[in-house]
Amino acid sequence: MAQATSPSTTSPSRFHHHADPALAGTRRAFIHAIAALPIAAATPAATAHTIDADLIELGARFEPLVDHYYVARKRWARSDAPAYVEYRAMVADHPEYQGDFDRHHQVTKDCWERWGVEEALVALLAIKEKMEELTSAVNAAPVSSIAGLRVKALAAFWQIAPEHSREIFVR
């Protein structure tokens, strides 16, 4: 069994007595820099939390919408995929319909109606619109706390998620 280190070799007082003078000066400069910080920068986390209260409230409204958005997007994707397959089978793969915009439009409309794509898309876009409004407000708000930074990160992540890199209609 290894022997314990003697207190004299690990004592903080021993370290401070033998510290490099250059490091001591650096420590003093660091302490003076901290003391010179504005009061807001040195506020405890609870105070910073109240400073970001508006931002945190935006996050409390935004976060549930993220879940609703992905549920609505899944519903839209599950209806759009078979509608698109049906459309391709009825029109797109038939050369006699090439260039017939009216025929393509009507078949698309019929397929969307049969599969509920329009309803799913309307629901998805309604949620997306609310989220974009909240994201704009989150992006404009100042941040002073970890909780506020979390809200900003969530909004930023949602904006750069893969399905936002292109329009949702692109195949």
N, C-alpha and C. Protein backbone atom coordinates (compact mmCIF):
# COMPACT_ATOMS: atom_id res chain seq x y z
N MET A 1 0.84 -1.18 0.00
CA MET A 1 0.00 0.00 0.00
C MET A 1 0.89 1.25 0.00
N ALA A 2 0.53 2.20 -0.83
CA ALA A 2 1.35 3.41 -0.93
C ALA A 2 1.19 4.26 0.31
N GLN A 3 2.28 4.91 0.69
CA GLN A 3 2.23 5.78 1.86
C GLN A 3 1.63 7.13 1.47
N ALA A 4 0.92 7.71 2.40
CA ALA A 4 0.34 9.04 2.17
C ALA A 4 1.45 10.06 2.10
N THR A 5 1.23 11.07 1.30
CA THR A 5 2.19 12.15 1.19
C THR A 5 2.14 12.97 2.47
N SER A 6 3.27 13.39 2.92
CA SER A 6 3.29 14.17 4.16
C SER A 6 2.66 15.54 3.93
N PRO A 7 1.99 16.07 4.92
CA PRO A 7 1.34 17.37 4.77
C PRO A 7 2.31 18.47 4.43
N SER A 8 3.53 18.33 4.83
CA SER A 8 4.48 19.41 4.58
C SER A 8 4.80 19.56 3.09
N THR A 9 4.64 18.50 2.28
CA THR A 9 4.96 18.61 0.86
C THR A 9 3.78 19.11 0.04
N THR A 10 2.57 19.02 0.56
CA THR A 10 1.41 19.44 -0.24
C THR A 10 0.70 20.64 0.36
N SER A 11 1.21 21.15 1.43
CA SER A 11 0.56 22.26 2.11
C SER A 11 0.51 23.49 1.21
N PRO A 12 -0.64 24.14 1.11
CA PRO A 12 -0.73 25.37 0.33
C PRO A 12 0.25 26.43 0.83
N SER A 13 0.45 26.47 2.13
CA SER A 13 1.38 27.49 2.64
C SER A 13 2.79 27.25 2.13
N ARG A 14 3.18 25.98 2.00
CA ARG A 14 4.50 25.67 1.47
C ARG A 14 4.61 26.13 0.02
N PHE A 15 3.53 25.92 -0.76
CA PHE A 15 3.53 26.34 -2.17
C PHE A 15 3.67 27.85 -2.28
N HIS A 16 2.92 28.57 -1.46
CA HIS A 16 2.96 30.03 -1.55
C HIS A 16 4.30 30.60 -1.12
N HIS A 17 4.96 29.96 -0.15
CA HIS A 17 6.25 30.46 0.29
C HIS A 17 7.32 30.30 -0.78
N HIS A 18 7.18 29.28 -1.62
CA HIS A 18 8.20 28.99 -2.62
C HIS A 18 7.74 29.30 -4.04
N ALA A 19 6.65 30.03 -4.20
CA ALA A 19 6.12 30.33 -5.53
C ALA A 19 7.05 31.26 -6.28
N ASP A 20 7.02 31.11 -7.56
CA ASP A 20 7.80 31.97 -8.45
C ASP A 20 7.28 33.41 -8.32
N PRO A 21 8.14 34.39 -8.14
CA PRO A 21 7.69 35.78 -8.00
C PRO A 21 6.92 36.27 -9.22
N ALA A 22 7.27 35.78 -10.42
CA ALA A 22 6.54 36.20 -11.62
C ALA A 22 5.10 35.73 -11.56
N LEU A 23 4.88 34.51 -11.06
CA LEU A 23 3.52 33.99 -10.92
C LEU A 23 2.74 34.79 -9.88
N ALA A 24 3.41 35.17 -8.81
CA ALA A 24 2.74 35.97 -7.78
C ALA A 24 2.25 37.28 -8.38
N GLY A 25 3.04 37.90 -9.21
CA GLY A 25 2.63 39.15 -9.88
C GLY A 25 1.45 38.90 -10.81
N THR A 26 1.45 37.77 -11.51
CA THR A 26 0.34 37.42 -12.40
C THR A 26 -0.93 37.21 -11.60
N ARG A 27 -0.78 36.54 -10.44
CA ARG A 27 -1.95 36.33 -9.57
C ARG A 27 -2.52 37.66 -9.11
N ARG A 28 -1.65 38.57 -8.70
CA ARG A 28 -2.13 39.89 -8.24
C ARG A 28 -2.83 40.63 -9.38
N ALA A 29 -2.27 40.57 -10.58
CA ALA A 29 -2.88 41.25 -11.73
C ALA A 29 -4.26 40.65 -12.03
N PHE A 30 -4.37 39.34 -11.91
CA PHE A 30 -5.64 38.67 -12.14
C PHE A 30 -6.68 39.10 -11.11
N ILE A 31 -6.28 39.15 -9.85
CA ILE A 31 -7.20 39.56 -8.79
C ILE A 31 -7.66 41.00 -9.00
N HIS A 32 -6.73 41.88 -9.38
CA HIS A 32 -7.10 43.27 -9.65
C HIS A 32 -8.03 43.38 -10.85
N ALA A 33 -7.82 42.55 -11.87
CA ALA A 33 -8.69 42.58 -13.05
C ALA A 33 -10.10 42.14 -12.68
N ILE A 34 -10.21 41.11 -11.85
CA ILE A 34 -11.53 40.64 -11.41
C ILE A 34 -12.22 41.73 -10.61
N ALA A 35 -11.49 42.38 -9.72
CA ALA A 35 -12.07 43.43 -8.88
C ALA A 35 -12.53 44.62 -9.72
N ALA A 36 -11.89 44.84 -10.86
CA ALA A 36 -12.25 45.97 -11.70
C ALA A 36 -13.44 45.70 -12.61
N LEU A 37 -13.91 44.45 -12.66
CA LEU A 37 -15.06 44.13 -13.52
C LEU A 37 -16.30 44.88 -13.06
N PRO A 38 -17.18 45.24 -14.01
CA PRO A 38 -18.42 45.90 -13.61
C PRO A 38 -19.23 44.96 -12.72
N ILE A 39 -20.08 45.53 -11.90
CA ILE A 39 -20.89 44.75 -10.97
C ILE A 39 -21.71 43.70 -11.72
N ALA A 40 -22.29 44.04 -12.86
CA ALA A 40 -23.13 43.10 -13.61
C ALA A 40 -22.35 41.84 -14.00
N ALA A 41 -21.08 42.00 -14.32
CA ALA A 41 -20.28 40.84 -14.72
C ALA A 41 -19.98 39.94 -13.53
N ALA A 42 -20.02 40.47 -12.32
CA ALA A 42 -19.70 39.68 -11.14
C ALA A 42 -20.96 39.24 -10.38
N THR A 43 -22.13 39.43 -10.98
CA THR A 43 -23.36 39.07 -10.27
C THR A 43 -23.48 37.57 -10.15
N PRO A 44 -24.08 37.11 -9.06
CA PRO A 44 -24.28 35.67 -8.93
C PRO A 44 -25.26 35.15 -9.97
N ALA A 45 -25.25 33.84 -10.15
CA ALA A 45 -26.09 33.21 -11.18
C ALA A 45 -27.57 33.53 -10.99
N ALA A 46 -28.05 33.57 -9.78
CA ALA A 46 -29.47 33.85 -9.54
C ALA A 46 -29.83 35.24 -10.04
N THR A 47 -28.96 36.22 -9.82
CA THR A 47 -29.22 37.58 -10.30
C THR A 47 -29.15 37.61 -11.82
N ALA A 48 -28.18 36.94 -12.41
CA ALA A 48 -28.08 36.90 -13.87
C ALA A 48 -29.32 36.26 -14.46
N HIS A 49 -29.86 35.25 -13.75
CA HIS A 49 -31.08 34.58 -14.21
C HIS A 49 -32.23 35.58 -14.29
N THR A 50 -32.34 36.48 -13.31
CA THR A 50 -33.42 37.46 -13.36
C THR A 50 -33.14 38.52 -14.41
N ILE A 51 -31.87 38.78 -14.68
CA ILE A 51 -31.53 39.73 -15.74
C ILE A 51 -32.01 39.20 -17.08
N ASP A 52 -31.89 37.91 -17.31
CA ASP A 52 -32.31 37.29 -18.57
C ASP A 52 -33.76 36.80 -18.52
N ALA A 53 -34.56 37.30 -17.61
CA ALA A 53 -35.92 36.80 -17.42
C ALA A 53 -36.73 36.84 -18.72
N ASP A 54 -36.63 37.93 -19.47
CA ASP A 54 -37.39 38.03 -20.73
C ASP A 54 -36.92 36.98 -21.74
N LEU A 55 -35.61 36.83 -21.83
CA LEU A 55 -35.05 35.84 -22.75
C LEU A 55 -35.45 34.42 -22.33
N ILE A 56 -35.41 34.15 -21.04
CA ILE A 56 -35.78 32.83 -20.54
C ILE A 56 -37.26 32.57 -20.78
N GLU A 57 -38.08 33.60 -20.66
CA GLU A 57 -39.52 33.46 -20.95
C GLU A 57 -39.73 33.14 -22.43
N LEU A 58 -38.97 33.77 -23.30
CA LEU A 58 -39.05 33.44 -24.73
C LEU A 58 -38.68 31.97 -24.95
N GLY A 59 -37.67 31.51 -24.24
CA GLY A 59 -37.25 30.11 -24.34
C GLY A 59 -38.32 29.16 -23.86
N ALA A 60 -39.02 29.55 -22.80
CA ALA A 60 -40.10 28.71 -22.27
C ALA A 60 -41.25 28.59 -23.27
N ARG A 61 -41.44 29.60 -24.09
CA ARG A 61 -42.46 29.53 -25.14
C ARG A 61 -41.93 28.80 -26.37
N PHE A 62 -40.63 28.93 -26.64
CA PHE A 62 -40.03 28.34 -27.83
C PHE A 62 -39.85 26.83 -27.71
N GLU A 63 -39.37 26.38 -26.56
CA GLU A 63 -38.99 24.97 -26.40
C GLU A 63 -40.12 23.99 -26.72
N PRO A 64 -41.35 24.19 -26.22
CA PRO A 64 -42.41 23.24 -26.58
C PRO A 64 -42.73 23.25 -28.07
N LEU A 65 -42.54 24.41 -28.70
CA LEU A 65 -42.79 24.48 -30.14
C LEU A 65 -41.82 23.62 -30.93
N VAL A 66 -40.61 23.43 -30.41
CA VAL A 66 -39.64 22.56 -31.10
C VAL A 66 -40.22 21.15 -31.21
N ASP A 67 -40.75 20.65 -30.09
CA ASP A 67 -41.35 19.31 -30.12
C ASP A 67 -42.55 19.27 -31.06
N HIS A 68 -43.41 20.28 -30.98
CA HIS A 68 -44.60 20.33 -31.86
C HIS A 68 -44.19 20.40 -33.33
N TYR A 69 -43.13 21.17 -33.60
CA TYR A 69 -42.65 21.30 -34.97
C TYR A 69 -42.23 19.95 -35.54
N TYR A 70 -41.42 19.19 -34.78
CA TYR A 70 -40.93 17.92 -35.29
C TYR A 70 -42.05 16.89 -35.43
N VAL A 71 -43.05 16.94 -34.57
CA VAL A 71 -44.21 16.05 -34.72
C VAL A 71 -44.97 16.43 -35.99
N ALA A 72 -45.19 17.73 -36.20
CA ALA A 72 -45.91 18.19 -37.40
C ALA A 72 -45.10 17.90 -38.66
N ARG A 73 -43.79 18.04 -38.57
CA ARG A 73 -42.95 17.77 -39.75
C ARG A 73 -43.00 16.28 -40.11
N LYS A 74 -43.02 15.44 -39.09
CA LYS A 74 -43.11 13.99 -39.33
C LYS A 74 -44.45 13.66 -40.00
N ARG A 75 -45.51 14.28 -39.52
CA ARG A 75 -46.83 14.07 -40.12
C ARG A 75 -46.83 14.52 -41.59
N TRP A 76 -46.24 15.69 -41.84
CA TRP A 76 -46.18 16.19 -43.21
C TRP A 76 -45.36 15.23 -44.09
N ALA A 77 -44.21 14.79 -43.61
CA ALA A 77 -43.35 13.91 -44.41
C ALA A 77 -44.03 12.57 -44.69
N ARG A 78 -44.75 12.05 -43.70
CA ARG A 78 -45.45 10.78 -43.89
C ARG A 78 -46.60 10.89 -44.87
N SER A 79 -47.16 12.06 -45.02
CA SER A 79 -48.24 12.22 -46.01
C SER A 79 -47.68 12.62 -47.37
N ASP A 80 -46.62 13.40 -47.38
CA ASP A 80 -46.07 13.89 -48.63
C ASP A 80 -45.37 12.79 -49.44
N ALA A 81 -44.66 11.90 -48.76
CA ALA A 81 -43.91 10.86 -49.48
C ALA A 81 -44.81 9.98 -50.33
N PRO A 82 -45.90 9.40 -49.81
CA PRO A 82 -46.75 8.58 -50.66
C PRO A 82 -47.49 9.40 -51.72
N ALA A 83 -47.82 10.65 -51.39
CA ALA A 83 -48.47 11.51 -52.39
C ALA A 83 -47.53 11.75 -53.57
N TYR A 84 -46.28 11.95 -53.27
CA TYR A 84 -45.30 12.16 -54.33
C TYR A 84 -45.11 10.91 -55.18
N VAL A 85 -45.06 9.75 -54.54
CA VAL A 85 -44.94 8.48 -55.28
C VAL A 85 -46.14 8.30 -56.20
N GLU A 86 -47.32 8.59 -55.68
CA GLU A 86 -48.53 8.47 -56.50
C GLU A 86 -48.50 9.46 -57.67
N TYR A 87 -48.09 10.68 -57.40
CA TYR A 87 -47.98 11.70 -58.45
C TYR A 87 -47.01 11.23 -59.54
N ARG A 88 -45.85 10.73 -59.13
CA ARG A 88 -44.86 10.25 -60.12
C ARG A 88 -45.44 9.13 -60.97
N ALA A 89 -46.17 8.23 -60.34
CA ALA A 89 -46.75 7.10 -61.07
C ALA A 89 -47.83 7.58 -62.05
N MET A 90 -48.57 8.62 -61.69
CA MET A 90 -49.68 9.07 -62.52
C MET A 90 -49.27 10.03 -63.63
N VAL A 91 -48.25 10.86 -63.39
CA VAL A 91 -47.96 11.93 -64.36
C VAL A 91 -46.50 12.03 -64.75
N ALA A 92 -45.67 12.19 -63.77
CA ALA A 92 -44.28 12.56 -64.05
C ALA A 92 -43.54 11.55 -64.91
N ASP A 93 -43.85 10.28 -64.77
CA ASP A 93 -43.14 9.27 -65.53
C ASP A 93 -43.82 8.94 -66.87
N HIS A 94 -44.85 9.70 -67.23
CA HIS A 94 -45.56 9.48 -68.50
C HIS A 94 -45.23 10.60 -69.47
N PRO A 95 -44.52 10.27 -70.54
CA PRO A 95 -44.09 11.30 -71.49
C PRO A 95 -45.25 12.08 -72.11
N GLU A 96 -46.44 11.48 -72.24
CA GLU A 96 -47.55 12.20 -72.86
C GLU A 96 -48.02 13.39 -72.04
N TYR A 97 -47.63 13.44 -70.76
CA TYR A 97 -48.03 14.57 -69.90
C TYR A 97 -46.92 15.62 -69.75
N GLN A 98 -45.78 15.39 -70.37
CA GLN A 98 -44.67 16.34 -70.25
C GLN A 98 -45.08 17.68 -70.83
N GLY A 99 -44.85 18.73 -70.06
CA GLY A 99 -45.18 20.09 -70.49
C GLY A 99 -46.61 20.48 -70.22
N ASP A 100 -47.44 19.57 -69.74
CA ASP A 100 -48.84 19.88 -69.44
C ASP A 100 -48.95 20.32 -67.98
N PHE A 101 -48.69 21.61 -67.76
CA PHE A 101 -48.67 22.15 -66.40
C PHE A 101 -50.02 21.95 -65.70
N ASP A 102 -51.11 22.19 -66.39
CA ASP A 102 -52.43 22.05 -65.78
C ASP A 102 -52.67 20.63 -65.29
N ARG A 103 -52.26 19.65 -66.08
CA ARG A 103 -52.43 18.25 -65.69
C ARG A 103 -51.58 17.93 -64.46
N HIS A 104 -50.33 18.38 -64.49
CA HIS A 104 -49.43 18.16 -63.35
C HIS A 104 -50.01 18.80 -62.08
N HIS A 105 -50.48 20.02 -62.20
CA HIS A 105 -51.03 20.73 -61.05
C HIS A 105 -52.26 20.01 -60.49
N GLN A 106 -53.15 19.58 -61.36
CA GLN A 106 -54.37 18.91 -60.90
C GLN A 106 -54.06 17.58 -60.22
N VAL A 107 -53.15 16.83 -60.80
CA VAL A 107 -52.79 15.54 -60.20
C VAL A 107 -52.10 15.77 -58.85
N THR A 108 -51.23 16.76 -58.77
CA THR A 108 -50.58 17.08 -57.50
C THR A 108 -51.63 17.44 -56.45
N LYS A 109 -52.56 18.29 -56.83
CA LYS A 109 -53.63 18.72 -55.92
C LYS A 109 -54.45 17.51 -55.45
N ASP A 110 -54.80 16.63 -56.37
CA ASP A 110 -55.59 15.43 -56.02
C ASP A 110 -54.80 14.51 -55.07
N CYS A 111 -53.55 14.30 -55.38
CA CYS A 111 -52.71 13.43 -54.53
C CYS A 111 -52.56 14.04 -53.14
N TRP A 112 -52.32 15.33 -53.07
CA TRP A 112 -52.17 16.00 -51.78
C TRP A 112 -53.47 15.87 -50.98
N GLU A 113 -54.59 16.02 -51.65
CA GLU A 113 -55.88 15.92 -50.95
C GLU A 113 -56.10 14.50 -50.41
N ARG A 114 -55.83 13.50 -51.24
CA ARG A 114 -56.01 12.11 -50.81
C ARG A 114 -55.14 11.75 -49.61
N TRP A 115 -53.92 12.26 -49.58
CA TRP A 115 -52.96 11.89 -48.55
C TRP A 115 -52.91 12.90 -47.39
N GLY A 116 -53.67 13.98 -47.44
CA GLY A 116 -53.70 14.96 -46.35
C GLY A 116 -52.47 15.84 -46.26
N VAL A 117 -51.79 16.02 -47.37
CA VAL A 117 -50.55 16.80 -47.38
C VAL A 117 -50.83 18.27 -47.07
N GLU A 118 -51.86 18.83 -47.66
CA GLU A 118 -52.16 20.25 -47.47
C GLU A 118 -52.41 20.55 -45.99
N GLU A 119 -53.23 19.75 -45.33
CA GLU A 119 -53.52 19.96 -43.90
C GLU A 119 -52.24 19.86 -43.07
N ALA A 120 -51.45 18.86 -43.35
CA ALA A 120 -50.20 18.67 -42.60
C ALA A 120 -49.24 19.84 -42.83
N LEU A 121 -49.18 20.32 -44.06
CA LEU A 121 -48.29 21.43 -44.39
C LEU A 121 -48.76 22.73 -43.72
N VAL A 122 -50.05 22.97 -43.72
CA VAL A 122 -50.58 24.18 -43.08
C VAL A 122 -50.24 24.16 -41.58
N ALA A 123 -50.41 23.02 -40.93
CA ALA A 123 -50.08 22.90 -39.51
C ALA A 123 -48.58 23.12 -39.28
N LEU A 124 -47.76 22.53 -40.12
CA LEU A 124 -46.31 22.67 -40.00
C LEU A 124 -45.89 24.13 -40.17
N LEU A 125 -46.40 24.78 -41.18
CA LEU A 125 -46.01 26.16 -41.45
C LEU A 125 -46.51 27.12 -40.37
N ALA A 126 -47.65 26.83 -39.75
CA ALA A 126 -48.16 27.67 -38.66
C ALA A 126 -47.20 27.62 -37.47
N ILE A 127 -46.73 26.43 -37.15
CA ILE A 127 -45.77 26.29 -36.05
C ILE A 127 -44.46 26.96 -36.42
N LYS A 128 -44.01 26.74 -37.64
CA LYS A 128 -42.74 27.33 -38.10
C LYS A 128 -42.79 28.85 -38.03
N GLU A 129 -43.92 29.44 -38.37
CA GLU A 129 -44.07 30.89 -38.33
C GLU A 129 -43.92 31.41 -36.89
N LYS A 130 -44.56 30.75 -35.94
CA LYS A 130 -44.43 31.13 -34.52
C LYS A 130 -42.98 31.02 -34.07
N MET A 131 -42.34 29.95 -34.48
CA MET A 131 -40.95 29.73 -34.08
C MET A 131 -40.02 30.78 -34.67
N GLU A 132 -40.27 31.18 -35.90
CA GLU A 132 -39.43 32.20 -36.53
C GLU A 132 -39.59 33.55 -35.82
N GLU A 133 -40.81 33.87 -35.39
CA GLU A 133 -41.04 35.10 -34.64
C GLU A 133 -40.26 35.07 -33.32
N LEU A 134 -40.38 33.95 -32.61
CA LEU A 134 -39.67 33.82 -31.33
C LEU A 134 -38.15 33.82 -31.54
N THR A 135 -37.68 33.18 -32.60
CA THR A 135 -36.25 33.14 -32.89
C THR A 135 -35.72 34.54 -33.13
N SER A 136 -36.47 35.36 -33.84
CA SER A 136 -36.05 36.74 -34.08
C SER A 136 -35.92 37.49 -32.76
N ALA A 137 -36.90 37.31 -31.86
CA ALA A 137 -36.85 37.97 -30.56
C ALA A 137 -35.69 37.45 -29.73
N VAL A 138 -35.44 36.14 -29.76
CA VAL A 138 -34.33 35.55 -29.01
C VAL A 138 -33.01 36.10 -29.53
N ASN A 139 -32.86 36.16 -30.84
CA ASN A 139 -31.62 36.65 -31.43
C ASN A 139 -31.36 38.12 -31.10
N ALA A 140 -32.42 38.90 -30.95
CA ALA A 140 -32.28 40.33 -30.66
C ALA A 140 -32.01 40.60 -29.19
N ALA A 141 -32.33 39.66 -28.32
CA ALA A 141 -32.20 39.88 -26.88
C ALA A 141 -30.76 39.75 -26.42
N PRO A 142 -30.36 40.60 -25.47
CA PRO A 142 -29.02 40.43 -24.88
C PRO A 142 -29.02 39.22 -23.95
N VAL A 143 -27.84 38.70 -23.68
CA VAL A 143 -27.74 37.51 -22.81
C VAL A 143 -26.71 37.78 -21.71
N SER A 144 -27.04 37.35 -20.48
CA SER A 144 -26.15 37.57 -19.34
C SER A 144 -25.97 36.34 -18.47
N SER A 145 -26.57 35.24 -18.85
CA SER A 145 -26.50 34.05 -17.99
C SER A 145 -26.41 32.79 -18.83
N ILE A 146 -26.05 31.71 -18.17
CA ILE A 146 -26.00 30.41 -18.83
C ILE A 146 -27.40 30.02 -19.30
N ALA A 147 -28.43 30.28 -18.48
CA ALA A 147 -29.80 29.95 -18.86
C ALA A 147 -30.21 30.72 -20.11
N GLY A 148 -29.82 31.98 -20.20
CA GLY A 148 -30.12 32.78 -21.40
C GLY A 148 -29.35 32.26 -22.60
N LEU A 149 -28.10 31.89 -22.38
CA LEU A 149 -27.29 31.34 -23.47
C LEU A 149 -27.88 30.03 -23.98
N ARG A 150 -28.45 29.23 -23.08
CA ARG A 150 -29.11 27.99 -23.49
C ARG A 150 -30.27 28.28 -24.45
N VAL A 151 -31.05 29.32 -24.15
CA VAL A 151 -32.17 29.69 -25.02
C VAL A 151 -31.64 30.10 -26.39
N LYS A 152 -30.60 30.90 -26.40
CA LYS A 152 -30.02 31.33 -27.69
C LYS A 152 -29.48 30.14 -28.47
N ALA A 153 -28.85 29.19 -27.78
CA ALA A 153 -28.31 28.01 -28.45
C ALA A 153 -29.42 27.15 -29.04
N LEU A 154 -30.52 26.99 -28.30
CA LEU A 154 -31.65 26.20 -28.80
C LEU A 154 -32.22 26.83 -30.08
N ALA A 155 -32.40 28.15 -30.06
CA ALA A 155 -32.94 28.84 -31.24
C ALA A 155 -31.96 28.73 -32.41
N ALA A 156 -30.67 28.86 -32.13
CA ALA A 156 -29.67 28.76 -33.20
C ALA A 156 -29.63 27.35 -33.77
N PHE A 157 -29.70 26.35 -32.90
CA PHE A 157 -29.69 24.97 -33.37
C PHE A 157 -30.89 24.71 -34.27
N TRP A 158 -32.05 25.19 -33.87
CA TRP A 158 -33.25 24.98 -34.68
C TRP A 158 -33.07 25.63 -36.06
N GLN A 159 -32.45 26.80 -36.09
CA GLN A 159 -32.26 27.49 -37.37
C GLN A 159 -31.30 26.76 -38.30
N ILE A 160 -30.33 26.05 -37.76
CA ILE A 160 -29.35 25.39 -38.63
C ILE A 160 -29.61 23.90 -38.79
N ALA A 161 -30.70 23.40 -38.20
CA ALA A 161 -31.02 21.98 -38.34
C ALA A 161 -31.13 21.64 -39.83
N PRO A 162 -30.82 20.41 -40.21
CA PRO A 162 -30.76 20.03 -41.63
C PRO A 162 -31.99 20.40 -42.44
N GLU A 163 -33.19 20.27 -41.90
CA GLU A 163 -34.36 20.57 -42.71
C GLU A 163 -34.55 22.06 -42.95
N HIS A 164 -33.74 22.91 -42.29
CA HIS A 164 -33.82 24.34 -42.53
C HIS A 164 -32.74 24.82 -43.49
N SER A 165 -31.88 23.92 -43.89
CA SER A 165 -30.82 24.32 -44.80
C SER A 165 -31.35 24.51 -46.22
N ARG A 166 -32.50 23.94 -46.50
CA ARG A 166 -33.16 24.09 -47.80
C ARG A 166 -34.64 24.23 -47.56
N GLU A 167 -35.35 24.65 -48.56
CA GLU A 167 -36.80 24.70 -48.44
C GLU A 167 -37.33 23.29 -48.24
N ILE A 168 -38.44 23.14 -47.53
CA ILE A 168 -38.95 21.81 -47.24
C ILE A 168 -39.57 21.16 -48.48
N PHE A 169 -39.75 21.90 -49.54
CA PHE A 169 -40.35 21.35 -50.74
C PHE A 169 -39.32 20.71 -51.67
N VAL A 170 -38.05 20.96 -51.43
CA VAL A 170 -37.00 20.43 -52.30
C VAL A 170 -36.89 18.94 -52.08
N ARG A 171 -36.83 18.20 -53.15
CA ARG A 171 -36.69 16.73 -53.05
C ARG A 171 -35.31 16.32 -53.48
